[in-house]
C-alpha cells in the first residue's frame, strides 16, 4: 500500500479547489487511515521542535505522564491518554496520546 501525499494548501486558504483536497483526504482515510500532508505552510523548524517535544514527552516514565492524566483535566479536556484508554469500534487502542482541548475553560 502506498502512503498518500495530500496537498492541504487549498484547505488552508492557499487557492485551488478545496473539494478535491477533501476528497483526497477521505479516500486516504478509507484506504489506509494514513496520509502525509504537504502545502500546509507550517514552518519546518516548528515541525522539528514539535516532533522532538513529542518524543521527549512520550519517553517519560508512566508515573510522570499519569500525573497529568486527562482525567485530571476537568472541563479543559486536556492531558495524557494512557495506552488502551480510548476505544475504536469497541476495542482498546494500542497507543498513548495527548488531548489538547480547544476553547474549553
N, C-alpha and C. Protein backbone atom coordinates (compact mmCIF):
# COMPACT_ATOMS: atom_id res chain seq x y z
N UNK A 1 0.83 -1.18 0.00
CA UNK A 1 0.00 0.00 0.00
C UNK A 1 0.88 1.24 0.00
N UNK A 2 0.49 2.21 -0.74
CA UNK A 2 1.26 3.45 -0.89
C UNK A 2 0.69 4.54 0.02
N UNK A 3 1.57 5.30 0.67
CA UNK A 3 1.16 6.40 1.52
C UNK A 3 0.73 7.58 0.64
N UNK A 4 -0.47 8.07 0.85
CA UNK A 4 -0.97 9.21 0.08
C UNK A 4 -0.30 10.49 0.53
N UNK A 5 0.14 11.29 -0.42
CA UNK A 5 0.68 12.61 -0.16
C UNK A 5 -0.39 13.60 -0.59
N UNK A 6 -0.88 14.39 0.37
CA UNK A 6 -2.01 15.27 0.11
C UNK A 6 -1.61 16.72 0.28
N UNK A 7 -1.85 17.52 -0.75
CA UNK A 7 -1.62 18.95 -0.68
C UNK A 7 -2.84 19.57 0.00
N UNK A 8 -2.67 19.98 1.25
CA UNK A 8 -3.78 20.57 2.01
C UNK A 8 -3.81 22.09 1.89
N UNK A 9 -2.94 22.64 1.06
CA UNK A 9 -2.91 24.08 0.85
C UNK A 9 -4.27 24.68 0.54
N UNK A 10 -5.06 24.06 -0.37
CA UNK A 10 -6.38 24.61 -0.66
C UNK A 10 -7.29 24.67 0.57
N UNK A 11 -7.10 23.79 1.53
CA UNK A 11 -7.91 23.80 2.75
C UNK A 11 -7.42 24.85 3.74
N UNK A 12 -6.24 25.40 3.47
CA UNK A 12 -5.65 26.42 4.34
C UNK A 12 -5.75 27.80 3.72
N UNK A 13 -6.63 27.96 2.74
CA UNK A 13 -6.83 29.25 2.10
C UNK A 13 -5.74 29.63 1.12
N UNK A 14 -5.08 28.64 0.52
CA UNK A 14 -3.98 28.92 -0.40
C UNK A 14 -4.39 28.66 -1.84
N UNK A 15 -5.62 28.95 -2.18
CA UNK A 15 -6.10 28.80 -3.55
C UNK A 15 -6.39 27.37 -3.91
N UNK A 16 -6.91 27.17 -5.09
CA UNK A 16 -7.22 25.82 -5.56
C UNK A 16 -8.62 25.40 -5.16
N UNK A 17 -8.91 24.15 -5.39
CA UNK A 17 -10.23 23.61 -5.13
C UNK A 17 -10.18 22.77 -3.86
N UNK A 18 -10.79 23.24 -2.79
CA UNK A 18 -10.73 22.52 -1.53
C UNK A 18 -11.51 21.21 -1.56
N UNK A 19 -12.52 21.12 -2.44
CA UNK A 19 -13.30 19.87 -2.53
C UNK A 19 -12.40 18.71 -2.96
N UNK A 20 -11.47 18.97 -3.86
CA UNK A 20 -10.56 17.92 -4.33
C UNK A 20 -9.64 17.46 -3.20
N UNK A 21 -9.12 18.41 -2.42
CA UNK A 21 -8.25 18.05 -1.30
C UNK A 21 -9.04 17.25 -0.26
N UNK A 22 -10.26 17.69 0.02
CA UNK A 22 -11.09 16.98 0.99
C UNK A 22 -11.40 15.57 0.51
N UNK A 23 -11.68 15.41 -0.76
CA UNK A 23 -11.95 14.09 -1.32
C UNK A 23 -10.72 13.19 -1.22
N UNK A 24 -9.54 13.77 -1.47
CA UNK A 24 -8.29 13.01 -1.37
C UNK A 24 -8.07 12.53 0.06
N UNK A 25 -8.36 13.39 1.05
CA UNK A 25 -8.23 13.01 2.45
C UNK A 25 -9.20 11.88 2.77
N UNK A 26 -10.44 12.00 2.33
CA UNK A 26 -11.43 10.95 2.57
C UNK A 26 -11.01 9.62 1.98
N UNK A 27 -10.48 9.64 0.76
CA UNK A 27 -10.03 8.41 0.11
C UNK A 27 -8.88 7.78 0.88
N UNK A 28 -7.92 8.60 1.33
CA UNK A 28 -6.78 8.09 2.10
C UNK A 28 -7.24 7.48 3.43
N UNK A 29 -8.20 8.13 4.07
CA UNK A 29 -8.71 7.61 5.35
C UNK A 29 -9.38 6.25 5.17
N UNK A 30 -10.13 6.10 4.11
CA UNK A 30 -10.80 4.83 3.85
C UNK A 30 -9.83 3.74 3.40
N UNK A 31 -8.80 4.12 2.65
CA UNK A 31 -7.87 3.13 2.10
C UNK A 31 -6.89 2.60 3.15
N UNK A 32 -6.26 3.50 3.90
CA UNK A 32 -5.24 3.04 4.84
C UNK A 32 -5.34 3.71 6.21
N UNK A 33 -5.99 4.85 6.26
CA UNK A 33 -6.07 5.59 7.51
C UNK A 33 -4.88 6.51 7.74
N UNK A 34 -3.97 6.55 6.76
CA UNK A 34 -2.77 7.36 6.90
C UNK A 34 -2.55 8.20 5.65
N UNK A 35 -1.92 9.35 5.85
CA UNK A 35 -1.53 10.18 4.73
C UNK A 35 -0.42 11.12 5.19
N UNK A 36 0.20 11.79 4.25
CA UNK A 36 1.26 12.75 4.53
C UNK A 36 0.80 14.07 3.96
N UNK A 37 0.67 15.08 4.82
CA UNK A 37 0.18 16.39 4.39
C UNK A 37 1.32 17.30 3.98
N UNK A 38 1.17 17.96 2.85
CA UNK A 38 2.11 18.97 2.37
C UNK A 38 1.31 20.22 2.03
N UNK A 39 1.99 21.33 1.85
CA UNK A 39 1.33 22.56 1.45
C UNK A 39 0.59 23.27 2.58
N UNK A 40 0.84 22.86 3.80
CA UNK A 40 0.13 23.43 4.95
C UNK A 40 0.74 24.73 5.44
N UNK A 41 1.98 24.99 5.08
CA UNK A 41 2.62 26.24 5.47
C UNK A 41 3.21 26.26 6.87
N UNK A 42 3.21 25.13 7.56
CA UNK A 42 3.79 25.09 8.90
C UNK A 42 5.32 25.06 8.77
N UNK A 43 5.97 25.99 9.43
CA UNK A 43 7.41 26.14 9.39
C UNK A 43 8.11 24.82 9.75
N UNK A 44 9.13 24.44 8.97
CA UNK A 44 9.84 23.19 9.23
C UNK A 44 10.51 23.17 10.59
N UNK A 45 11.01 24.32 11.04
CA UNK A 45 11.61 24.40 12.36
C UNK A 45 10.60 24.09 13.45
N UNK A 46 9.39 24.60 13.30
CA UNK A 46 8.32 24.32 14.26
C UNK A 46 7.96 22.83 14.24
N UNK A 47 7.89 22.25 13.05
CA UNK A 47 7.60 20.82 12.94
C UNK A 47 8.66 20.00 13.66
N UNK A 48 9.92 20.36 13.47
CA UNK A 48 11.03 19.64 14.11
C UNK A 48 10.92 19.75 15.62
N UNK A 49 10.64 20.95 16.13
CA UNK A 49 10.51 21.14 17.59
C UNK A 49 9.32 20.35 18.14
N UNK A 50 8.22 20.30 17.39
CA UNK A 50 7.05 19.55 17.82
C UNK A 50 7.36 18.07 17.92
N UNK A 51 8.01 17.50 16.90
CA UNK A 51 8.35 16.08 16.93
C UNK A 51 9.30 15.77 18.08
N UNK A 52 10.28 16.64 18.30
CA UNK A 52 11.24 16.43 19.39
C UNK A 52 10.55 16.52 20.75
N UNK A 53 9.69 17.50 20.93
CA UNK A 53 8.95 17.64 22.19
C UNK A 53 8.05 16.43 22.43
N UNK A 54 7.39 15.96 21.38
CA UNK A 54 6.53 14.79 21.49
C UNK A 54 7.34 13.56 21.88
N UNK A 55 8.48 13.38 21.22
CA UNK A 55 9.33 12.24 21.54
C UNK A 55 9.76 12.29 23.00
N UNK A 56 10.18 13.45 23.47
CA UNK A 56 10.62 13.60 24.86
C UNK A 56 9.48 13.31 25.83
N UNK A 57 8.29 13.81 25.53
CA UNK A 57 7.16 13.57 26.42
C UNK A 57 6.83 12.08 26.52
N UNK A 58 6.70 11.41 25.39
CA UNK A 58 6.28 10.01 25.41
C UNK A 58 7.37 9.06 25.92
N UNK A 59 8.61 9.55 26.02
CA UNK A 59 9.67 8.75 26.63
C UNK A 59 9.67 8.86 28.16
N UNK A 60 8.88 9.78 28.72
CA UNK A 60 8.82 9.91 30.17
C UNK A 60 8.28 8.63 30.79
N UNK A 61 8.58 8.41 32.08
CA UNK A 61 8.06 7.22 32.75
C UNK A 61 6.55 7.37 32.94
N UNK A 62 5.88 6.24 33.09
CA UNK A 62 4.42 6.20 33.17
C UNK A 62 3.87 7.05 34.32
N UNK A 63 4.50 7.01 35.48
CA UNK A 63 4.02 7.78 36.64
C UNK A 63 4.02 9.28 36.35
N UNK A 64 5.04 9.75 35.68
CA UNK A 64 5.12 11.18 35.35
C UNK A 64 4.00 11.57 34.40
N UNK A 65 3.76 10.74 33.40
CA UNK A 65 2.70 11.04 32.44
C UNK A 65 1.32 10.95 33.10
N UNK A 66 1.14 9.97 33.98
CA UNK A 66 -0.15 9.80 34.64
C UNK A 66 -0.47 10.95 35.59
N UNK A 67 0.55 11.67 36.05
CA UNK A 67 0.32 12.83 36.92
C UNK A 67 -0.45 13.92 36.17
N UNK A 68 -0.38 13.89 34.83
CA UNK A 68 -1.14 14.85 34.03
C UNK A 68 -2.15 14.12 33.14
N UNK A 69 -2.69 13.02 33.70
CA UNK A 69 -3.71 12.23 33.02
C UNK A 69 -4.89 13.12 32.64
N UNK A 70 -5.48 12.83 31.52
CA UNK A 70 -6.62 13.60 31.03
C UNK A 70 -7.77 13.60 32.04
N UNK A 71 -7.89 12.56 32.83
CA UNK A 71 -8.99 12.51 33.80
C UNK A 71 -8.86 13.61 34.86
N UNK A 72 -7.68 14.23 34.97
CA UNK A 72 -7.48 15.34 35.89
C UNK A 72 -7.73 16.69 35.21
N UNK A 73 -7.98 16.68 33.91
CA UNK A 73 -8.10 17.91 33.14
C UNK A 73 -9.43 18.64 33.29
N UNK A 74 -10.42 17.97 33.86
CA UNK A 74 -11.72 18.60 34.05
C UNK A 74 -12.32 19.10 32.75
N UNK A 75 -12.95 20.25 32.83
CA UNK A 75 -13.63 20.82 31.66
C UNK A 75 -12.65 21.24 30.57
N UNK A 76 -11.38 21.36 30.92
CA UNK A 76 -10.38 21.76 29.92
C UNK A 76 -10.18 20.68 28.88
N UNK A 77 -10.50 19.42 29.23
CA UNK A 77 -10.40 18.29 28.29
C UNK A 77 -9.03 18.21 27.66
N UNK A 78 -8.00 18.17 28.54
CA UNK A 78 -6.64 18.03 28.03
C UNK A 78 -5.83 17.17 28.98
N UNK A 79 -4.81 16.55 28.43
CA UNK A 79 -3.91 15.75 29.23
C UNK A 79 -3.49 14.47 28.54
N UNK A 80 -2.77 13.66 29.30
CA UNK A 80 -2.23 12.39 28.82
C UNK A 80 -3.33 11.34 28.72
N UNK A 81 -3.28 10.54 27.67
CA UNK A 81 -4.22 9.42 27.48
C UNK A 81 -3.39 8.14 27.47
N UNK A 82 -3.53 7.29 28.51
CA UNK A 82 -2.73 6.07 28.58
C UNK A 82 -3.10 5.03 27.52
N UNK A 83 -2.19 4.14 27.29
CA UNK A 83 -2.38 3.01 26.38
C UNK A 83 -3.67 2.27 26.72
N UNK A 84 -4.52 2.06 25.73
CA UNK A 84 -5.74 1.29 25.90
C UNK A 84 -6.92 2.06 26.47
N UNK A 85 -6.76 3.33 26.82
CA UNK A 85 -7.85 4.11 27.41
C UNK A 85 -8.94 4.43 26.39
N UNK A 86 -8.55 4.74 25.16
CA UNK A 86 -9.53 5.07 24.13
C UNK A 86 -9.95 3.82 23.39
N UNK A 87 -11.20 3.83 22.93
CA UNK A 87 -11.73 2.70 22.19
C UNK A 87 -11.97 3.08 20.74
N UNK A 88 -11.75 2.12 19.86
CA UNK A 88 -12.08 2.26 18.43
C UNK A 88 -12.91 1.04 18.07
N UNK A 89 -14.15 1.26 17.70
CA UNK A 89 -15.08 0.17 17.39
C UNK A 89 -15.17 -0.81 18.55
N UNK A 90 -15.12 -0.30 19.76
CA UNK A 90 -15.28 -1.13 20.95
C UNK A 90 -14.01 -1.82 21.42
N UNK A 91 -12.89 -1.59 20.76
CA UNK A 91 -11.63 -2.24 21.13
C UNK A 91 -10.64 -1.18 21.62
N UNK A 92 -9.86 -1.51 22.66
CA UNK A 92 -8.86 -0.56 23.16
C UNK A 92 -7.81 -0.24 22.10
N UNK A 93 -7.52 1.05 21.96
CA UNK A 93 -6.50 1.47 21.01
C UNK A 93 -5.12 1.24 21.62
N UNK A 94 -4.21 0.73 20.82
CA UNK A 94 -2.87 0.41 21.28
C UNK A 94 -1.94 1.59 21.04
N UNK A 95 -2.29 2.72 21.68
CA UNK A 95 -1.48 3.93 21.55
C UNK A 95 -1.65 4.77 22.80
N UNK A 96 -0.64 5.57 23.07
CA UNK A 96 -0.76 6.62 24.06
C UNK A 96 -1.14 7.89 23.30
N UNK A 97 -1.60 8.89 24.02
CA UNK A 97 -1.93 10.12 23.34
C UNK A 97 -1.91 11.32 24.25
N UNK A 98 -2.14 12.46 23.66
CA UNK A 98 -2.27 13.72 24.36
C UNK A 98 -3.46 14.43 23.77
N UNK A 99 -4.36 14.89 24.61
CA UNK A 99 -5.50 15.66 24.16
C UNK A 99 -5.32 17.10 24.59
N UNK A 100 -5.53 18.01 23.67
CA UNK A 100 -5.43 19.43 23.96
C UNK A 100 -6.79 20.03 23.64
N UNK A 101 -7.59 20.25 24.65
CA UNK A 101 -8.91 20.83 24.44
C UNK A 101 -8.83 22.18 23.77
N UNK A 102 -9.77 22.45 22.92
CA UNK A 102 -9.80 23.73 22.22
C UNK A 102 -11.06 24.48 22.67
N UNK A 103 -10.86 25.68 23.16
CA UNK A 103 -11.99 26.51 23.53
C UNK A 103 -12.63 26.16 24.86
N UNK A 104 -12.17 25.11 25.51
CA UNK A 104 -12.73 24.74 26.81
C UNK A 104 -12.05 25.56 27.89
N UNK A 105 -12.80 25.85 28.93
CA UNK A 105 -12.21 26.58 30.05
C UNK A 105 -12.49 25.88 31.35
